[in-house]
PDB file of N, CA and C in Angstrom:
ATOM      1  N   MET A   1      11.285 -50.452  43.282  1.00  0.00           N
ATOM      2  CA  MET A   1      10.672 -51.717  42.748  1.00  0.00           C
ATOM      3  C   MET A   1      11.721 -51.696  41.391  1.00  0.00           C
ATOM      4  N   GLY A   2      12.851 -51.008  41.160  1.00  0.00           N
ATOM      5  CA  GLY A   2      13.677 -51.370  39.991  1.00  0.00           C
ATOM      6  C   GLY A   2      13.265 -50.736  38.889  1.00  0.00           C
ATOM      7  N   THR A   3      13.908 -51.678  37.267  1.00  0.00           N
ATOM      8  CA  THR A   3      13.740 -50.886  36.320  1.00  0.00           C
ATOM      9  C   THR A   3      12.826 -51.808  35.560  1.00  0.00           C
ATOM     10  N   GLN A   4      12.027 -51.146  34.715  1.00  0.00           N
ATOM     11  CA  GLN A   4      11.436 -51.852  33.411  1.00  0.00           C
ATOM     12  C   GLN A   4      11.535 -51.579  32.259  1.00  0.00           C
ATOM     13  N   PRO A   5      11.989 -52.336  31.342  1.00  0.00           N
ATOM     14  CA  PRO A   5      11.928 -52.231  30.072  1.00  0.00           C
ATOM     15  C   PRO A   5      10.607 -51.740  29.625  1.00  0.00           C
ATOM     16  N   ILE A   6      11.106 -50.611  28.425  1.00  0.00           N
ATOM     17  CA  ILE A   6      10.085 -50.639  27.500  1.00  0.00           C
ATOM     18  C   ILE A   6      10.171 -50.707  25.825  1.00  0.00           C
ATOM     19  N   SER A   7       9.601 -50.344  25.143  1.00  0.00           N
ATOM     20  CA  SER A   7       9.216 -50.846  23.983  1.00  0.00           C
ATOM     21  C   SER A   7      10.581 -50.280  22.867  1.00  0.00           C
ATOM     22  N   ASN A   8      10.872 -48.982  23.076  1.00  0.00           N
ATOM     23  CA  ASN A   8      11.215 -48.622  22.518  1.00  0.00           C
ATOM     24  C   ASN A   8      13.235 -49.062  22.631  1.00  0.00           C
ATOM     25  N   GLY A   9      13.319 -49.992  23.331  1.00  0.00           N
ATOM     26  CA  GLY A   9      14.696 -50.155  23.726  1.00  0.00           C
ATOM     27  C   GLY A   9      15.261 -49.619  25.049  1.00  0.00           C
ATOM     28  N   THR A  10      15.018 -48.592  25.484  1.00  0.00           N
ATOM     29  CA  THR A  10      15.409 -47.812  27.024  1.00  0.00           C
ATOM     30  C   THR A  10      14.700 -48.535  28.355  1.00  0.00           C
ATOM     31  N   VAL A  11      15.501 -47.770  29.259  1.00  0.00           N
ATOM     32  CA  VAL A  11      14.864 -48.228  30.516  1.00  0.00           C
ATOM     33  C   VAL A  11      14.328 -47.167  30.789  1.00  0.00           C
ATOM     34  N   GLY A  12      13.555 -47.775  31.759  1.00  0.00           N
ATOM     35  CA  GLY A  12      12.379 -46.701  32.472  1.00  0.00           C
ATOM     36  C   GLY A  12      12.681 -46.978  33.895  1.00  0.00           C
ATOM     37  N   ILE A  13      12.296 -45.734  35.161  1.00  0.00           N
ATOM     38  CA  ILE A  13      12.721 -46.489  36.446  1.00  0.00           C
ATOM     39  C   ILE A  13      11.237 -46.171  36.795  1.00  0.00           C
ATOM     40  N   ALA A  14      10.670 -47.374  37.922  1.00  0.00           N
ATOM     41  CA  ALA A  14       9.372 -47.319  38.137  1.00  0.00           C
ATOM     42  C   ALA A  14       9.166 -47.140  39.533  1.00  0.00           C
ATOM     43  N   ALA A  15       8.686 -46.223  39.412  1.00  0.00           N
ATOM     44  CA  ALA A  15       8.453 -45.787  41.489  1.00  0.00           C
ATOM     45  C   ALA A  15       6.970 -45.894  42.145  1.00  0.00           C
ATOM     46  N   GLU A  16       6.398 -46.220  42.680  1.00  0.00           N
ATOM     47  CA  GLU A  16       5.217 -47.197  43.476  1.00  0.00           C
ATOM     48  C   GLU A  16       4.710 -45.664  43.642  1.00  0.00           C
ATOM     49  N   LEU A  17       3.108 -46.052  43.321  1.00  0.00           N
ATOM     50  CA  LEU A  17       2.275 -44.699  44.243  1.00  0.00           C
ATOM     51  C   LEU A  17       1.773 -45.516  45.352  1.00  0.00           C
ATOM     52  N   SER A  18       1.296 -44.558  46.305  1.00  0.00           N
ATOM     53  CA  SER A  18       0.541 -45.142  47.352  1.00  0.00           C
ATOM     54  C   SER A  18      -0.128 -43.658  47.797  1.00  0.00           C
ATOM     55  N   GLY A  19      -0.875 -43.666  48.702  1.00  0.00           N
ATOM     56  CA  GLY A  19      -1.123 -42.902  50.063  1.00  0.00           C
ATOM     57  C   GLY A  19      -2.084 -41.533  48.782  1.00  0.00           C
ATOM     58  N   THR A  20      -1.408 -40.166  49.187  1.00  0.00           N
ATOM     59  CA  THR A  20      -2.000 -38.944  48.682  1.00  0.00           C
ATOM     60  C   THR A  20      -1.204 -38.412  47.157  1.00  0.00           C
ATOM     61  N   GLY A  21      -0.039 -39.477  46.389  1.00  0.00           N
ATOM     62  CA  GLY A  21       0.667 -39.359  45.990  1.00  0.00           C
ATOM     63  C   GLY A  21       2.208 -38.132  46.552  1.00  0.00           C
ATOM     64  N   SER A  22       3.006 -38.404  45.488  1.00  0.00           N
ATOM     65  CA  SER A  22       4.300 -37.776  46.001  1.00  0.00           C
ATOM     66  C   SER A  22       5.142 -37.182  44.798  1.00  0.00           C
ATOM     67  N   VAL A  23       6.044 -36.128  45.170  1.00  0.00           N
ATOM     68  CA  VAL A  23       7.055 -36.083  44.511  1.00  0.00           C
ATOM     69  C   VAL A  23       7.958 -37.347  43.929  1.00  0.00           C
ATOM     70  N   VAL A  24       7.651 -37.533  42.582  1.00  0.00           N
ATOM     71  CA  VAL A  24       8.422 -39.307  42.432  1.00  0.00           C
ATOM     72  C   VAL A  24       9.413 -39.236  41.729  1.00  0.00           C
ATOM     73  N   LYS A  25      10.040 -37.436  41.420  1.00  0.00           N
ATOM     74  CA  LYS A  25      11.515 -37.248  40.757  1.00  0.00           C
ATOM     75  C   LYS A  25      11.905 -35.973  40.553  1.00  0.00           C
ATOM     76  N   THR A  26      13.046 -35.454  41.189  1.00  0.00           N
ATOM     77  CA  THR A  26      12.849 -34.323  40.996  1.00  0.00           C
ATOM     78  C   THR A  26      13.768 -33.931  39.656  1.00  0.00           C
ATOM     79  N   GLY A  27      13.952 -32.675  38.917  1.00  0.00           N
ATOM     80  CA  GLY A  27      14.527 -32.545  37.798  1.00  0.00           C
ATOM     81  C   GLY A  27      13.631 -32.783  36.954  1.00  0.00           C
ATOM     82  N   GLY A  28      14.388 -33.110  35.722  1.00  0.00           N
ATOM     83  CA  GLY A  28      13.988 -33.145  34.535  1.00  0.00           C
ATOM     84  C   GLY A  28      13.752 -34.505  34.314  1.00  0.00           C
ATOM     85  N   GLY A  29      12.824 -34.788  33.389  1.00  0.00           N
ATOM     86  CA  GLY A  29      12.536 -36.185  32.486  1.00  0.00           C
ATOM     87  C   GLY A  29      11.606 -36.490  31.867  1.00  0.00           C
ATOM     88  N   VAL A  30      10.874 -37.902  31.675  1.00  0.00           N
ATOM     89  CA  VAL A  30       9.711 -37.859  30.758  1.00  0.00           C
ATOM     90  C   VAL A  30       8.745 -39.075  31.642  1.00  0.00           C
ATOM     91  N   LEU A  31       7.413 -38.733  31.987  1.00  0.00           N
ATOM     92  CA  LEU A  31       6.899 -40.144  32.148  1.00  0.00           C
ATOM     93  C   LEU A  31       6.152 -40.665  30.994  1.00  0.00           C
ATOM     94  N   GLN A  32       6.784 -41.711  31.087  1.00  0.00           N
ATOM     95  CA  GLN A  32       6.053 -42.660  30.207  1.00  0.00           C
ATOM     96  C   GLN A  32       4.945 -43.534  30.393  1.00  0.00           C
ATOM     97  N   LYS A  33       4.497 -44.164  31.599  1.00  0.00           N
ATOM     98  CA  LYS A  33       3.550 -44.824  31.867  1.00  0.00           C
ATOM     99  C   LYS A  33       3.132 -44.524  33.470  1.00  0.00           C
ATOM    100  N   LEU A  34       1.802 -45.010  33.385  1.00  0.00           N
ATOM    101  CA  LEU A  34       1.126 -45.086  34.699  1.00  0.00           C
ATOM    102  C   LEU A  34       0.463 -45.856  35.043  1.00  0.00           C
ATOM    103  N   PHE A  35       0.852 -46.987  35.969  1.00  0.00           N
ATOM    104  CA  PHE A  35      -0.217 -48.294  36.200  1.00  0.00           C
ATOM    105  C   PHE A  35      -0.750 -48.251  37.394  1.00  0.00           C
ATOM    106  N   ILE A  36      -2.563 -48.755  37.336  1.00  0.00           N
ATOM    107  CA  ILE A  36      -2.875 -48.012  38.278  1.00  0.00           C
ATOM    108  C   ILE A  36      -3.482 -49.945  38.387  1.00  0.00           C
ATOM    109  N   SER A  37      -2.889 -50.338  40.133  1.00  0.00           N
ATOM    110  CA  SER A  37      -3.619 -51.328  40.330  1.00  0.00           C
ATOM    111  C   SER A  37      -4.128 -51.816  40.786  1.00  0.00           C
ATOM    112  N   THR A  38      -4.728 -50.456  42.140  1.00  0.00           N
ATOM    113  CA  THR A  38      -6.251 -50.618  42.449  1.00  0.00           C
ATOM    114  C   THR A  38      -6.817 -48.961  42.856  1.00  0.00           C
ATOM    115  N   ALA A  39      -7.740 -48.899  42.507  1.00  0.00           N
ATOM    116  CA  ALA A  39      -8.699 -47.222  42.332  1.00  0.00           C
ATOM    117  C   ALA A  39      -9.998 -47.769  43.387  1.00  0.00           C
ATOM    118  N   SER A  40     -10.190 -47.304  44.226  1.00  0.00           N
ATOM    119  CA  SER A  40     -11.532 -47.145  44.818  1.00  0.00           C
ATOM    120  C   SER A  40     -11.615 -46.077  45.470  1.00  0.00           C
ATOM    121  N   ASN A  41     -13.129 -45.686  46.356  1.00  0.00           N
ATOM    122  CA  ASN A  41     -13.126 -44.468  46.967  1.00  0.00           C
ATOM    123  C   ASN A  41     -13.128 -43.080  46.332  1.00  0.00           C
ATOM    124  N   THR A  42     -13.761 -42.813  45.072  1.00  0.00           N
ATOM    125  CA  THR A  42     -13.890 -41.731  44.336  1.00  0.00           C
ATOM    126  C   THR A  42     -12.075 -41.679  43.963  1.00  0.00           C
ATOM    127  N   PRO A  43     -11.636 -42.705  42.964  1.00  0.00           N
ATOM    128  CA  PRO A  43     -10.221 -42.576  42.601  1.00  0.00           C
ATOM    129  C   PRO A  43     -10.284 -41.395  41.986  1.00  0.00           C
ATOM    130  N   THR A  44      -8.762 -40.359  42.395  1.00  0.00           N
ATOM    131  CA  THR A  44      -8.488 -39.450  41.241  1.00  0.00           C
ATOM    132  C   THR A  44      -7.138 -39.266  41.221  1.00  0.00           C
ATOM    133  N   VAL A  45      -6.412 -38.865  39.810  1.00  0.00           N
ATOM    134  CA  VAL A  45      -5.316 -38.667  39.263  1.00  0.00           C
ATOM    135  C   VAL A  45      -4.800 -37.334  38.825  1.00  0.00           C
ATOM    136  N   ALA A  46      -3.748 -36.722  39.489  1.00  0.00           N
ATOM    137  CA  ALA A  46      -3.298 -35.442  38.264  1.00  0.00           C
ATOM    138  C   ALA A  46      -1.967 -35.491  38.754  1.00  0.00           C
ATOM    139  N   ILE A  47      -1.260 -35.017  37.570  1.00  0.00           N
ATOM    140  CA  ILE A  47      -0.511 -34.893  37.696  1.00  0.00           C
ATOM    141  C   ILE A  47       0.496 -33.602  37.021  1.00  0.00           C
ATOM    142  N   TYR A  48       1.519 -32.897  37.774  1.00  0.00           N
ATOM    143  CA  TYR A  48       2.127 -31.470  38.296  1.00  0.00           C
ATOM    144  C   TYR A  48       3.702 -31.719  37.592  1.00  0.00           C
ATOM    145  N   ASP A  49       4.146 -30.384  37.429  1.00  0.00           N
ATOM    146  CA  ASP A  49       6.188 -30.410  36.998  1.00  0.00           C
ATOM    147  C   ASP A  49       5.827 -29.670  37.998  1.00  0.00           C
ATOM    148  N   GLY A  50       6.498 -30.122  39.251  1.00  0.00           N
ATOM    149  CA  GLY A  50       6.848 -29.382  40.692  1.00  0.00           C
ATOM    150  C   GLY A  50       8.118 -30.030  41.551  1.00  0.00           C
ATOM    151  N   ALA A  51       8.982 -29.909  41.913  1.00  0.00           N
ATOM    152  CA  ALA A  51      10.011 -30.530  42.894  1.00  0.00           C
ATOM    153  C   ALA A  51       9.342 -30.512  44.091  1.00  0.00           C
ATOM    154  N   THR A  52       8.233 -30.057  44.602  1.00  0.00           N
ATOM    155  CA  THR A  52       8.012 -30.037  45.906  1.00  0.00           C
ATOM    156  C   THR A  52       6.492 -30.438  45.933  1.00  0.00           C
ATOM    157  N   ALA A  53       6.296 -31.660  46.922  1.00  0.00           N
ATOM    158  CA  ALA A  53       4.900 -31.830  46.996  1.00  0.00           C
ATOM    159  C   ALA A  53       3.971 -30.692  47.349  1.00  0.00           C
ATOM    160  N   GLY A  54       2.705 -31.000  46.877  1.00  0.00           N
ATOM    161  CA  GLY A  54       1.787 -29.547  46.773  1.00  0.00           C
ATOM    162  C   GLY A  54       1.913 -28.667  45.589  1.00  0.00           C
ATOM    163  N   ALA A  55       3.206 -28.918  45.100  1.00  0.00           N
ATOM    164  CA  ALA A  55       3.172 -27.779  44.169  1.00  0.00           C
ATOM    165  C   ALA A  55       2.670 -27.907  42.707  1.00  0.00           C
ATOM    166  N   THR A  56       1.396 -27.485  42.446  1.00  0.00           N
ATOM    167  CA  THR A  56       0.474 -27.986  41.507  1.00  0.00           C
ATOM    168  C   THR A  56       0.646 -26.680  40.682  1.00  0.00           C
ATOM    169  N   SER A  57       1.464 -26.269  40.463  1.00  0.00           N
ATOM    170  CA  SER A  57       1.157 -24.684  39.636  1.00  0.00           C
ATOM    171  C   SER A  57       1.453 -25.174  37.999  1.00  0.00           C
ATOM    172  N   VAL A  58       2.140 -26.293  37.489  1.00  0.00           N
ATOM    173  CA  VAL A  58       2.387 -26.356  36.311  1.00  0.00           C
ATOM    174  C   VAL A  58       1.386 -27.700  36.488  1.00  0.00           C
ATOM    175  N   PRO A  59       0.458 -27.868  35.793  1.00  0.00           N
ATOM    176  CA  PRO A  59       0.229 -29.006  35.256  1.00  0.00           C
ATOM    177  C   PRO A  59       0.496 -29.835  33.843  1.00  0.00           C
ATOM    178  N   LEU A  60       0.872 -31.170  34.207  1.00  0.00           N
ATOM    179  CA  LEU A  60       0.710 -32.075  32.947  1.00  0.00           C
ATOM    180  C   LEU A  60       0.055 -32.674  32.787  1.00  0.00           C
ATOM    181  N   ILE A  61      -0.861 -33.313  33.122  1.00  0.00           N
ATOM    182  CA  ILE A  61      -1.929 -34.016  32.905  1.00  0.00           C
ATOM    183  C   ILE A  61      -3.553 -33.580  33.938  1.00  0.00           C
ATOM    184  N   PRO A  62      -4.246 -33.244  33.329  1.00  0.00           N
ATOM    185  CA  PRO A  62      -4.965 -33.281  34.290  1.00  0.00           C
ATOM    186  C   PRO A  62      -6.034 -33.942  35.041  1.00  0.00           C
ATOM    187  N   GLN A  63      -6.494 -33.837  35.985  1.00  0.00           N
ATOM    188  CA  GLN A  63      -7.716 -34.721  37.255  1.00  0.00           C
ATOM    189  C   GLN A  63      -7.947 -35.703  36.148  1.00  0.00           C
ATOM    190  N   PHE A  64      -7.805 -36.990  36.397  1.00  0.00           N
ATOM    191  CA  PHE A  64      -8.974 -37.940  36.052  1.00  0.00           C
ATOM    192  C   PHE A  64      -9.170 -39.446  36.585  1.00  0.00           C
ATOM    193  N   THR A  65      -9.805 -39.791  36.479  1.00  0.00           N
ATOM    194  CA  THR A  65     -10.820 -41.402  37.511  1.00  0.00           C
ATOM    195  C   THR A  65      -9.630 -42.018  36.424  1.00  0.00           C
ATOM    196  N   PRO A  66      -8.830 -42.882  37.624  1.00  0.00           N
ATOM    197  CA  PRO A  66      -8.095 -43.847  37.036  1.00  0.00           C
ATOM    198  C   PRO A  66      -8.981 -45.085  37.404  1.00  0.00           C
ATOM    199  N   VAL A  67      -9.026 -46.408  36.194  1.00  0.00           N
ATOM    200  CA  VAL A  67      -9.299 -47.519  36.242  1.00  0.00           C
ATOM    201  C   VAL A  67      -8.461 -48.392  36.683  1.00  0.00           C
ATOM    202  N   ALA A  68      -8.777 -48.986  38.069  1.00  0.00           N
ATOM    203  CA  ALA A  68      -7.917 -50.313  38.094  1.00  0.00           C
ATOM    204  C   ALA A  68      -7.332 -51.217  37.163  1.00  0.00           C
ATOM    205  N   GLY A  69      -6.380 -51.614  37.391  1.00  0.00           N
ATOM    206  CA  GLY A  69      -5.954 -52.840  35.788  1.00  0.00           C
ATOM    207  C   GLY A  69      -5.489 -52.462  34.649  1.00  0.00           C
ATOM    208  N   THR A  70      -5.526 -50.437  35.032  1.00  0.00           N
ATOM    209  CA  THR A  70      -4.821 -50.150  33.524  1.00  0.00           C
ATOM    210  C   THR A  70      -3.562 -49.593  33.535  1.00  0.00           C
ATOM    211  N   THR A  71      -3.225 -49.218  32.043  1.00  0.00           N
ATOM    212  CA  THR A  71      -1.638 -48.640  31.627  1.00  0.00           C
ATOM    213  C   THR A  71      -2.308 -48.206  31.031  1.00  0.00           C
ATOM    214  N   TYR A  72      -1.646 -46.321  31.553  1.00  0.00           N
ATOM    215  CA  TYR A  72      -1.672 -45.472  30.753  1.00  0.00           C
ATOM    216  C   TYR A  72      -0.512 -44.761  30.185  1.00  0.00           C
ATOM    217  N   GLN A  73      -0.387 -44.365  28.673  1.00  0.00           N
ATOM    218  CA  GLN A  73       0.510 -44.063  28.103  1.00  0.00           C
ATOM    219  C   GLN A  73       0.344 -42.888  28.285  1.00  0.00           C
ATOM    220  N   PHE A  74       1.808 -41.863  28.686  1.00  0.00           N
ATOM    221  CA  PHE A  74       1.593 -40.433  28.374  1.00  0.00           C
ATOM    222  C   PHE A  74       3.057 -40.129  27.486  1.00  0.00           C
ATOM    223  N   ASP A  75       4.261 -40.422  27.435  1.00  0.00           N
ATOM    224  CA  ASP A  75       5.260 -39.880  27.296  1.00  0.00           C
ATOM    225  C   ASP A  75       5.231 -38.268  26.897  1.00  0.00           C
ATOM    226  N   VAL A  76       5.117 -37.664  28.507  1.00  0.00           N
ATOM    227  CA  VAL A  76       5.207 -36.321  28.182  1.00  0.00           C
ATOM    228  C   VAL A  76       6.357 -35.615  29.464  1.00  0.00           C
ATOM    229  N   ALA A  77       7.024 -34.863  28.847  1.00  0.00           N
ATOM    230  CA  ALA A  77       8.644 -34.179  29.373  1.00  0.00           C
ATOM    231  C   ALA A  77       7.916 -33.654  30.765  1.00  0.00           C
ATOM    232  N   PHE A  78       8.972 -33.323  31.606  1.00  0.00           N
ATOM    233  CA  PHE A  78       8.681 -32.420  32.793  1.00  0.00           C
ATOM    234  C   PHE A  78       9.938 -32.150  33.031  1.00  0.00           C
ATOM    235  N   GLN A  79      10.029 -30.747  33.551  1.00  0.00           N
ATOM    236  CA  GLN A  79      11.547 -29.917  33.763  1.00  0.00           C
ATOM    237  C   GLN A  79      11.972 -29.563  35.270  1.00  0.00           C
ATOM    238  N   LEU A  80      11.053 -29.614  35.909  1.00  0.00           N
ATOM    239  CA  LEU A  80      10.864 -29.705  37.387  1.00  0.00           C
ATOM    240  C   LEU A  80      11.030 -30.511  38.416  1.00  0.00           C
ATOM    241  N   GLY A  81      10.199 -31.114  38.404  1.00  0.00           N
ATOM    242  CA  GLY A  81       9.523 -32.721  38.770  1.00  0.00           C
ATOM    243  C   GLY A  81       8.622 -33.294  38.734  1.00  0.00           C
ATOM    244  N   LEU A  82       8.274 -34.523  38.788  1.00  0.00           N
ATOM    245  CA  LEU A  82       7.502 -35.445  38.716  1.00  0.00           C
ATOM    246  C   LEU A  82       6.526 -35.693  40.003  1.00  0.00           C
ATOM    247  N   ASN A  83       5.391 -34.389  39.769  1.00  0.00           N
ATOM    248  CA  ASN A  83       4.516 -34.715  41.068  1.00  0.00           C
ATOM    249  C   ASN A  83       3.093 -35.390  40.943  1.00  0.00           C
ATOM    250  N   ILE A  84       2.707 -36.614  41.428  1.00  0.00           N
ATOM    251  CA  ILE A  84       1.575 -37.135  41.255  1.00  0.00           C
ATOM    252  C   ILE A  84       0.879 -37.274  42.015  1.00  0.00           C
ATOM    253  N   VAL A  85      -0.266 -36.684  42.069  1.00  0.00           N
ATOM    254  CA  VAL A  85      -1.590 -36.081  43.429  1.00  0.00           C
ATOM    255  C   VAL A  85      -2.472 -37.070  43.089  1.00  0.00           C
ATOM    256  N   ILE A  86      -2.879 -37.726  44.206  1.00  0.00           N
ATOM    257  CA  ILE A  86      -3.785 -38.903  44.311  1.00  0.00           C
ATOM    258  C   ILE A  86      -4.901 -38.579  45.464  1.00  0.00           C
ATOM    259  N   GLY A  87      -6.042 -38.457  44.869  1.00  0.00           N
ATOM    260  CA  GLY A  87      -6.859 -38.644  45.691  1.00  0.00           C
ATOM    261  C   GLY A  87      -7.919 -40.231  45.853  1.00  0.00           C
ATOM    262  N   GLY A  88      -8.666 -40.274  46.785  1.00  0.00           N
ATOM    263  CA  GLY A  88      -9.475 -41.408  47.307  1.00  0.00           C
ATOM    264  C   GLY A  88      -8.315 -42.383  47.238  1.00  0.00           C
ATOM    265  N   THR A  89      -8.477 -43.879  46.968  1.00  0.00           N
ATOM    266  CA  THR A  89      -7.596 -44.932  47.390  1.00  0.00           C
ATOM    267  C   THR A  89      -6.987 -45.556  45.778  1.00  0.00           C
ATOM    268  N   VAL A  90      -5.705 -45.197  45.219  1.00  0.00           N
ATOM    269  CA  VAL A  90      -4.560 -45.749  44.545  1.00  0.00           C
ATOM    270  C   VAL A  90      -3.833 -46.173  44.958  1.00  0.00           C
ATOM    271  N   THR A  91      -3.120 -47.529  44.158  1.00  0.00           N
ATOM    272  CA  THR A  91      -2.064 -47.535  44.147  1.00  0.00           C
ATOM    273  C   THR A  91      -1.815 -48.288  43.131  1.00  0.00           C
ATOM    274  N   GLY A  92      -0.390 -48.180  43.076  1.00  0.00           N
ATOM    275  CA  GLY A  92       0.292 -48.349  41.119  1.00  0.00           C
ATOM    276  C   GLY A  92       1.162 -47.993  41.148  1.00  0.00           C
ATOM    277  N   ALA A  93       1.932 -47.620  39.523  1.00  0.00           N
ATOM    278  CA  ALA A  93       3.623 -47.711  39.997  1.00  0.00           C
ATOM    279  C   ALA A  93       3.619 -46.613  38.503  1.00  0.00           C
ATOM    280  N   ALA A  94       4.811 -45.607  38.472  1.00  0.00           N
ATOM    281  CA  ALA A  94       4.769 -44.969  37.556  1.00  0.00           C
ATOM    282  C   ALA A  94       5.855 -45.401  36.683  1.00  0.00           C
ATOM    283  N   MET A  95       6.292 -45.162  35.894  1.00  0.00           N
ATOM    284  CA  MET A  95       7.074 -45.497  34.937  1.00  0.00           C
ATOM    285  C   MET A  95       7.947 -44.011  34.171  1.00  0.00           C
ATOM    286  N   TYR A  96       9.284 -43.863  34.435  1.00  0.00           N
ATOM    287  CA  TYR A  96       9.860 -42.452  33.944  1.00  0.00           C
ATOM    288  C   TYR A  96      11.223 -42.850  33.364  1.00  0.00           C
ATOM    289  N   LEU A  97      11.800 -41.870  32.702  1.00  0.00           N
ATOM    290  CA  LEU A  97      12.541 -42.014  32.395  1.00  0.00           C
ATOM    291  C   LEU A  97      13.643 -40.722  33.349  1.00  0.00           C
TER     292      LEU A  97
END
């Protein structure tokens, strides 16, 4: 998806979200935003600090019900990796540094 400018002048990387989610980035970084384009079928999103899919031992953002067409601002640091777990049907993008 390329890069997206953010308000403080730094450039974040955007990663597509779909399916059951995935490890978006390994290693440290900062989750800036999460844009949800579609959400249906009892949608949920939970965000963890983990370098492998299914590694949910270090929660960053507890599970929540996303709303389609919404951007969520987080600005939360992760150390091991950015692992986004999706339930139901959710598509969108994660912006991170």
